[in-house]
């Protein structure tokens, strides 16, 4: 597996990248790509870290697995390529943005790289998945890697917004120091839970209010 990760992240994660669990994970992932159909494309596995360098982080938006259907996964949580139909969870995210911010979405596609380039780390807990098999790469070491990512941001950055949607993301954010950072939690935006508290939670305006209060440029969510 090619660890195509920006130098700013390699510096932060140097111990993690040489740990025995990561060597084992890399072997597993390499074999999966050789023997199975796996998403995202291998060159995009670490896309979130290329588009959002460590020093630029303002927001961590935590997802679970990459999309497991053909053509959807990009290496950025919740994002899809611009030519792909917007999935239901992302449609609900866009609905909440419009309700929260009070303006219409300008971009009509699901490519969220525009957020990543503004300092939003679009991080999935597991960075790869076998086609058609959600959760298939859980329990092989990705969770340890992304735990190290969250811990590094928690320890070495200040005034970052962590957006945690759903119980899985909430559990992963349990160690975040809430005296240093803002943590925004709600149910997941999927159609199964969005009306149980995601709609109306106003994560996007809350994020920008916090960034303004800490002298950081707001995120253009539209």
C-alpha atoms as a PDB file:
ATOM      1  CA  UNK A   1       0.000   0.000   0.000  1.00  0.00           C
ATOM      2  CA  UNK A   2       1.392   3.374  -1.039  1.00  0.00           C
ATOM      3  CA  UNK A   3       1.229   5.721   1.973  1.00  0.00           C
ATOM      4  CA  UNK A   4       0.488   8.844  -0.068  1.00  0.00           C
ATOM      5  CA  UNK A   5       0.053  11.120   2.907  1.00  0.00           C
ATOM      6  CA  UNK A   6       1.166  14.754   3.156  1.00  0.00           C
ATOM      7  CA  UNK A   7       4.454  15.434   4.952  1.00  0.00           C
ATOM      8  CA  UNK A   8       2.666  17.487   7.622  1.00  0.00           C
ATOM      9  CA  UNK A   9       0.745  14.334   8.571  1.00  0.00           C
ATOM     10  CA  UNK A  10       3.742  12.026   8.296  1.00  0.00           C
ATOM     11  CA  UNK A  11       5.450  14.150  10.934  1.00  0.00           C
ATOM     12  CA  UNK A  12       2.477  13.880  13.269  1.00  0.00           C
ATOM     13  CA  UNK A  13       1.881  10.171  12.692  1.00  0.00           C
ATOM     14  CA  UNK A  14       5.465   8.934  12.353  1.00  0.00           C
ATOM     15  CA  UNK A  15       5.187   6.512  15.294  1.00  0.00           C
ATOM     16  CA  UNK A  16       1.841   5.203  14.101  1.00  0.00           C
ATOM     17  CA  UNK A  17       3.088   4.558  10.556  1.00  0.00           C
ATOM     18  CA  UNK A  18       5.861   2.227  11.782  1.00  0.00           C
ATOM     19  CA  UNK A  19       3.801   0.477  14.460  1.00  0.00           C
ATOM     20  CA  UNK A  20       3.241  -3.291  14.093  1.00  0.00           C
ATOM     21  CA  UNK A  21      -0.519  -2.850  13.709  1.00  0.00           C
ATOM     22  CA  UNK A  22      -0.001  -0.535  10.721  1.00  0.00           C
ATOM     23  CA  UNK A  23       2.364  -2.955   9.003  1.00  0.00           C
ATOM     24  CA  UNK A  24      -0.253  -5.668   9.431  1.00  0.00           C
ATOM     25  CA  UNK A  25      -2.980  -3.306   8.181  1.00  0.00           C
ATOM     26  CA  UNK A  26      -0.954  -2.350   5.099  1.00  0.00           C
ATOM     27  CA  UNK A  27      -0.466  -6.020   4.229  1.00  0.00           C
ATOM     28  CA  UNK A  28      -4.183  -6.726   4.624  1.00  0.00           C
ATOM     29  CA  UNK A  29      -5.189  -3.746   2.485  1.00  0.00           C
ATOM     30  CA  UNK A  30      -2.637  -4.545  -0.236  1.00  0.00           C
ATOM     31  CA  UNK A  31      -3.927  -8.119  -0.461  1.00  0.00           C
ATOM     32  CA  UNK A  32      -7.534  -6.930  -0.584  1.00  0.00           C
ATOM     33  CA  UNK A  33      -6.822  -4.615  -3.516  1.00  0.00           C
ATOM     34  CA  UNK A  34      -5.037  -7.459  -5.299  1.00  0.00           C
ATOM     35  CA  UNK A  35      -7.795 -10.018  -4.767  1.00  0.00           C
ATOM     36  CA  UNK A  36     -11.056  -8.043  -4.402  1.00  0.00           C
ATOM     37  CA  UNK A  37     -12.814  -4.938  -5.679  1.00  0.00           C
ATOM     38  CA  UNK A  38     -12.099  -2.313  -3.029  1.00  0.00           C
ATOM     39  CA  UNK A  39     -13.107   1.330  -2.674  1.00  0.00           C
ATOM     40  CA  UNK A  40     -11.917   4.011  -2.980  1.00  0.00           C
ATOM     41  CA  UNK A  41      -9.310   3.629  -5.710  1.00  0.00           C
ATOM     42  CA  UNK A  42      -5.979   2.960  -4.017  1.00  0.00           C
ATOM     43  CA  UNK A  43      -4.513   6.338  -4.972  1.00  0.00           C
ATOM     44  CA  UNK A  44      -7.380   8.059  -3.106  1.00  0.00           C
ATOM     45  CA  UNK A  45      -7.198   6.176   0.194  1.00  0.00           C
ATOM     46  CA  UNK A  46      -5.415   9.081   1.909  1.00  0.00           C
ATOM     47  CA  UNK A  47      -7.052  11.886  -0.096  1.00  0.00           C
ATOM     48  CA  UNK A  48      -8.388  13.580   3.036  1.00  0.00           C
ATOM     49  CA  UNK A  49      -4.847  14.088   4.294  1.00  0.00           C
ATOM     50  CA  UNK A  50      -3.601  15.474   0.999  1.00  0.00           C
ATOM     51  CA  UNK A  51      -6.368  18.047   0.661  1.00  0.00           C
ATOM     52  CA  UNK A  52      -6.341  19.142   4.312  1.00  0.00           C
ATOM     53  CA  UNK A  53      -2.858  19.531   5.730  1.00  0.00           C
ATOM     54  CA  UNK A  54      -2.328  19.260   9.466  1.00  0.00           C
ATOM     55  CA  UNK A  55      -1.576  22.944  10.038  1.00  0.00           C
ATOM     56  CA  UNK A  56      -4.735  23.980   8.161  1.00  0.00           C
ATOM     57  CA  UNK A  57      -7.279  21.953  10.146  1.00  0.00           C
ATOM     58  CA  UNK A  58     -10.276  23.870  11.431  1.00  0.00           C
ATOM     59  CA  UNK A  59     -12.900  21.109  11.444  1.00  0.00           C
ATOM     60  CA  UNK A  60     -12.881  17.307  11.698  1.00  0.00           C
ATOM     61  CA  UNK A  61     -16.015  15.753  10.183  1.00  0.00           C
ATOM     62  CA  UNK A  62     -16.045  12.091  11.094  1.00  0.00           C
ATOM     63  CA  UNK A  63     -17.695   9.383   9.034  1.00  0.00           C
ATOM     64  CA  UNK A  64     -17.635   5.601   9.339  1.00  0.00           C
ATOM     65  CA  UNK A  65     -16.919   3.640   6.116  1.00  0.00           C
ATOM     66  CA  UNK A  66     -16.298   4.784   2.556  1.00  0.00           C
ATOM     67  CA  UNK A  67     -19.253   4.332   0.219  1.00  0.00           C
ATOM     68  CA  UNK A  68     -19.304   0.730  -0.963  1.00  0.00           C
ATOM     69  CA  UNK A  69     -21.044   1.206  -4.324  1.00  0.00           C
ATOM     70  CA  UNK A  70     -19.186   1.690  -7.588  1.00  0.00           C
ATOM     71  CA  UNK A  71     -17.935   5.181  -8.358  1.00  0.00           C
ATOM     72  CA  UNK A  72     -18.973   6.814  -5.093  1.00  0.00           C
ATOM     73  CA  UNK A  73     -15.990   6.687  -2.718  1.00  0.00           C
ATOM     74  CA  UNK A  74     -13.394   9.451  -3.021  1.00  0.00           C
ATOM     75  CA  UNK A  75     -11.338   9.132   0.169  1.00  0.00           C
ATOM     76  CA  UNK A  76     -13.328  11.977   1.758  1.00  0.00           C
ATOM     77  CA  UNK A  77     -16.125  11.191   4.214  1.00  0.00           C
ATOM     78  CA  UNK A  78     -19.635  11.817   2.827  1.00  0.00           C
ATOM     79  CA  UNK A  79     -18.232  13.122  -0.496  1.00  0.00           C
ATOM     80  CA  UNK A  80     -18.888  11.690  -3.965  1.00  0.00           C
ATOM     81  CA  UNK A  81     -17.503  12.675  -7.383  1.00  0.00           C
ATOM     82  CA  UNK A  82     -19.295  15.538  -9.095  1.00  0.00           C
ATOM     83  CA  UNK A  83     -20.824  13.237 -11.740  1.00  0.00           C
ATOM     84  CA  UNK A  84     -22.373  10.837  -9.197  1.00  0.00           C
ATOM     85  CA  UNK A  85     -25.919  11.108  -7.848  1.00  0.00           C
ATOM     86  CA  UNK A  86     -25.924  12.599  -4.338  1.00  0.00           C
ATOM     87  CA  UNK A  87     -26.506   9.837  -1.730  1.00  0.00           C
ATOM     88  CA  UNK A  88     -29.363  10.189   0.790  1.00  0.00           C
ATOM     89  CA  UNK A  89     -27.184  11.118   3.796  1.00  0.00           C
ATOM     90  CA  UNK A  90     -25.460  13.874   1.838  1.00  0.00           C
ATOM     91  CA  UNK A  91     -28.815  15.147   0.570  1.00  0.00           C
ATOM     92  CA  UNK A  92     -29.880  15.487   4.198  1.00  0.00           C
ATOM     93  CA  UNK A  93     -26.620  17.285   5.038  1.00  0.00           C
ATOM     94  CA  UNK A  94     -27.347  19.789   2.268  1.00  0.00           C
ATOM     95  CA  UNK A  95     -30.924  20.241   3.537  1.00  0.00           C
ATOM     96  CA  UNK A  96     -29.610  21.022   7.012  1.00  0.00           C
ATOM     97  CA  UNK A  97     -27.073  23.497   5.617  1.00  0.00           C
ATOM     98  CA  UNK A  98     -29.822  25.391   3.809  1.00  0.00           C
ATOM     99  CA  UNK A  99     -32.056  25.408   6.888  1.00  0.00           C
ATOM    100  CA  UNK A 100     -29.199  26.306   9.232  1.00  0.00           C
ATOM    101  CA  UNK A 101     -27.502  28.998   7.148  1.00  0.00           C
ATOM    102  CA  UNK A 102     -30.694  30.316   5.566  1.00  0.00           C
ATOM    103  CA  UNK A 103     -29.311  30.238   2.027  1.00  0.00           C
ATOM    104  CA  UNK A 104     -29.531  27.866  -0.911  1.00  0.00           C
ATOM    105  CA  UNK A 105     -26.679  25.513  -1.746  1.00  0.00           C
ATOM    106  CA  UNK A 106     -24.645  27.002  -4.587  1.00  0.00           C
ATOM    107  CA  UNK A 107     -22.934  23.767  -5.612  1.00  0.00           C
ATOM    108  CA  UNK A 108     -25.358  21.176  -6.913  1.00  0.00           C
ATOM    109  CA  UNK A 109     -22.944  18.228  -6.835  1.00  0.00           C
ATOM    110  CA  UNK A 110     -21.648  16.062  -3.986  1.00  0.00           C
ATOM    111  CA  UNK A 111     -17.932  16.799  -4.335  1.00  0.00           C
ATOM    112  CA  UNK A 112     -16.905  18.095  -0.898  1.00  0.00           C
ATOM    113  CA  UNK A 113     -13.270  18.706  -1.775  1.00  0.00           C
ATOM    114  CA  UNK A 114     -14.188  22.398  -1.612  1.00  0.00           C
ATOM    115  CA  UNK A 115     -14.663  21.932   2.153  1.00  0.00           C
ATOM    116  CA  UNK A 116     -11.428  19.985   2.550  1.00  0.00           C
ATOM    117  CA  UNK A 117      -9.457  22.785   0.895  1.00  0.00           C
ATOM    118  CA  UNK A 118     -10.836  25.200   3.510  1.00  0.00           C
ATOM    119  CA  UNK A 119      -9.569  23.130   6.439  1.00  0.00           C
ATOM    120  CA  UNK A 120     -12.251  20.470   6.937  1.00  0.00           C
ATOM    121  CA  UNK A 121     -10.719  17.023   7.505  1.00  0.00           C
ATOM    122  CA  UNK A 122     -13.305  14.672   5.981  1.00  0.00           C
ATOM    123  CA  UNK A 123     -12.210  11.577   7.875  1.00  0.00           C
ATOM    124  CA  UNK A 124     -13.718   8.116   7.749  1.00  0.00           C
ATOM    125  CA  UNK A 125     -12.962   5.825  10.687  1.00  0.00           C
ATOM    126  CA  UNK A 126     -12.171   3.062   8.185  1.00  0.00           C
ATOM    127  CA  UNK A 127     -10.464   4.221   4.995  1.00  0.00           C
ATOM    128  CA  UNK A 128     -11.242   1.270   2.721  1.00  0.00           C
ATOM    129  CA  UNK A 129     -14.122  -1.120   2.103  1.00  0.00           C
ATOM    130  CA  UNK A 130     -14.814  -4.140  -0.092  1.00  0.00           C
ATOM    131  CA  UNK A 131     -17.334  -3.450  -2.866  1.00  0.00           C
ATOM    132  CA  UNK A 132     -20.889  -4.128  -1.774  1.00  0.00           C
ATOM    133  CA  UNK A 133     -19.844  -5.100   1.743  1.00  0.00           C
ATOM    134  CA  UNK A 134     -20.200  -2.235   4.240  1.00  0.00           C
ATOM    135  CA  UNK A 135     -18.049  -2.694   7.338  1.00  0.00           C
ATOM    136  CA  UNK A 136     -15.890  -5.345   5.645  1.00  0.00           C
ATOM    137  CA  UNK A 137     -12.599  -3.606   6.512  1.00  0.00           C
ATOM    138  CA  UNK A 138     -13.484  -2.795  10.087  1.00  0.00           C
ATOM    139  CA  UNK A 139     -11.402  -4.475  12.774  1.00  0.00           C
ATOM    140  CA  UNK A 140      -8.209  -4.713  10.717  1.00  0.00           C
ATOM    141  CA  UNK A 141      -6.388  -1.682  12.089  1.00  0.00           C
ATOM    142  CA  UNK A 142      -7.909   1.339  10.404  1.00  0.00           C
ATOM    143  CA  UNK A 143      -9.663   2.299  13.637  1.00  0.00           C
ATOM    144  CA  UNK A 144      -6.316   2.398  15.451  1.00  0.00           C
ATOM    145  CA  UNK A 145      -4.883   4.595  12.706  1.00  0.00           C
ATOM    146  CA  UNK A 146      -7.774   7.061  12.732  1.00  0.00           C
ATOM    147  CA  UNK A 147      -7.808   7.080  16.539  1.00  0.00           C
ATOM    148  CA  UNK A 148      -4.191   8.254  16.296  1.00  0.00           C
ATOM    149  CA  UNK A 149      -5.255  10.950  13.835  1.00  0.00           C
ATOM    150  CA  UNK A 150      -7.961  12.249  16.164  1.00  0.00           C
ATOM    151  CA  UNK A 151      -5.591  12.106  19.139  1.00  0.00           C
ATOM    152  CA  UNK A 152      -2.911  14.032  17.255  1.00  0.00           C
ATOM    153  CA  UNK A 153      -5.339  16.804  16.318  1.00  0.00           C
ATOM    154  CA  UNK A 154      -6.658  16.871  19.884  1.00  0.00           C
ATOM    155  CA  UNK A 155      -3.176  17.119  21.411  1.00  0.00           C
ATOM    156  CA  UNK A 156      -1.396  19.382  18.949  1.00  0.00           C
ATOM    157  CA  UNK A 157      -4.024  21.789  17.644  1.00  0.00           C
ATOM    158  CA  UNK A 158      -6.304  24.251  19.421  1.00  0.00           C
ATOM    159  CA  UNK A 159      -9.855  25.411  18.796  1.00  0.00           C
ATOM    160  CA  UNK A 160     -10.778  22.719  16.277  1.00  0.00           C
ATOM    161  CA  UNK A 161     -14.437  21.809  15.728  1.00  0.00           C
ATOM    162  CA  UNK A 162     -15.171  18.074  15.845  1.00  0.00           C
ATOM    163  CA  UNK A 163     -18.506  17.180  14.223  1.00  0.00           C
ATOM    164  CA  UNK A 164     -19.675  13.752  15.363  1.00  0.00           C
ATOM    165  CA  UNK A 165     -22.810  12.336  13.754  1.00  0.00           C
ATOM    166  CA  UNK A 166     -24.175   9.077  15.122  1.00  0.00           C
ATOM    167  CA  UNK A 167     -23.145   6.788  17.957  1.00  0.00           C
ATOM    168  CA  UNK A 168     -20.101   5.409  16.136  1.00  0.00           C
ATOM    169  CA  UNK A 169     -18.595   8.875  15.658  1.00  0.00           C
ATOM    170  CA  UNK A 170     -19.499   9.914  19.201  1.00  0.00           C
ATOM    171  CA  UNK A 171     -17.660   6.921  20.633  1.00  0.00           C
ATOM    172  CA  UNK A 172     -14.612   7.720  18.546  1.00  0.00           C
ATOM    173  CA  UNK A 173     -14.580  11.264  19.899  1.00  0.00           C
ATOM    174  CA  UNK A 174     -14.768  10.260  23.551  1.00  0.00           C
ATOM    175  CA  UNK A 175     -11.199  11.380  24.327  1.00  0.00           C
ATOM    176  CA  UNK A 176     -11.416  14.827  22.745  1.00  0.00           C
ATOM    177  CA  UNK A 177     -10.503  17.591  25.196  1.00  0.00           C
ATOM    178  CA  UNK A 178     -13.593  19.782  25.236  1.00  0.00           C
ATOM    179  CA  UNK A 179     -11.770  22.555  27.062  1.00  0.00           C
ATOM    180  CA  UNK A 180      -9.552  23.011  23.969  1.00  0.00           C
ATOM    181  CA  UNK A 181     -12.001  22.201  21.183  1.00  0.00           C
ATOM    182  CA  UNK A 182     -15.680  22.388  20.269  1.00  0.00           C
ATOM    183  CA  UNK A 183     -17.494  19.062  19.914  1.00  0.00           C
ATOM    184  CA  UNK A 184     -20.826  19.054  18.070  1.00  0.00           C
ATOM    185  CA  UNK A 185     -22.834  15.834  18.359  1.00  0.00           C
ATOM    186  CA  UNK A 186     -26.127  14.719  16.869  1.00  0.00           C
ATOM    187  CA  UNK A 187     -27.786  11.691  15.272  1.00  0.00           C
ATOM    188  CA  UNK A 188     -26.455  10.608  11.890  1.00  0.00           C
ATOM    189  CA  UNK A 189     -27.857  12.336   8.753  1.00  0.00           C
ATOM    190  CA  UNK A 190     -28.965   9.033   7.210  1.00  0.00           C
ATOM    191  CA  UNK A 191     -32.682   8.720   6.313  1.00  0.00           C
ATOM    192  CA  UNK A 192     -33.062   6.322   9.251  1.00  0.00           C
ATOM    193  CA  UNK A 193     -32.078   8.866  11.899  1.00  0.00           C
ATOM    194  CA  UNK A 194     -32.001  12.385  10.444  1.00  0.00           C
ATOM    195  CA  UNK A 195     -35.410  13.287  11.880  1.00  0.00           C
ATOM    196  CA  UNK A 196     -34.378  12.053  15.333  1.00  0.00           C
ATOM    197  CA  UNK A 197     -32.262  15.153  15.971  1.00  0.00           C
ATOM    198  CA  UNK A 198     -29.946  15.764  13.038  1.00  0.00           C
ATOM    199  CA  UNK A 199     -32.362  18.155  11.370  1.00  0.00           C
ATOM    200  CA  UNK A 200     -32.359  21.352  13.369  1.00  0.00           C
ATOM    201  CA  UNK A 201     -29.039  20.674  15.106  1.00  0.00           C
ATOM    202  CA  UNK A 202     -27.383  23.609  13.272  1.00  0.00           C
ATOM    203  CA  UNK A 203     -23.824  22.247  13.167  1.00  0.00           C
ATOM    204  CA  UNK A 204     -22.711  24.529  10.355  1.00  0.00           C
ATOM    205  CA  UNK A 205     -23.630  27.862  11.939  1.00  0.00           C
ATOM    206  CA  UNK A 206     -22.317  26.652  15.306  1.00  0.00           C
ATOM    207  CA  UNK A 207     -19.011  25.775  13.653  1.00  0.00           C
ATOM    208  CA  UNK A 208     -18.661  29.178  12.030  1.00  0.00           C
ATOM    209  CA  UNK A 209     -19.617  31.023  15.219  1.00  0.00           C
ATOM    210  CA  UNK A 210     -16.864  29.167  17.055  1.00  0.00           C
ATOM    211  CA  UNK A 211     -14.317  29.810  14.326  1.00  0.00           C
ATOM    212  CA  UNK A 212     -15.161  33.524  14.306  1.00  0.00           C
ATOM    213  CA  UNK A 213     -14.852  33.684  18.081  1.00  0.00           C
ATOM    214  CA  UNK A 214     -11.371  32.167  17.796  1.00  0.00           C
ATOM    215  CA  UNK A 215     -10.212  34.497  15.004  1.00  0.00           C
ATOM    216  CA  UNK A 216     -10.376  31.867  12.264  1.00  0.00           C
ATOM    217  CA  UNK A 217     -11.895  32.205   8.826  1.00  0.00           C
ATOM    218  CA  UNK A 218     -15.348  30.657   8.517  1.00  0.00           C
ATOM    219  CA  UNK A 219     -16.108  27.688   6.293  1.00  0.00           C
ATOM    220  CA  UNK A 220     -18.144  28.396   3.163  1.00  0.00           C
ATOM    221  CA  UNK A 221     -20.522  25.446   3.348  1.00  0.00           C
ATOM    222  CA  UNK A 222     -22.532  26.497   0.303  1.00  0.00           C
END
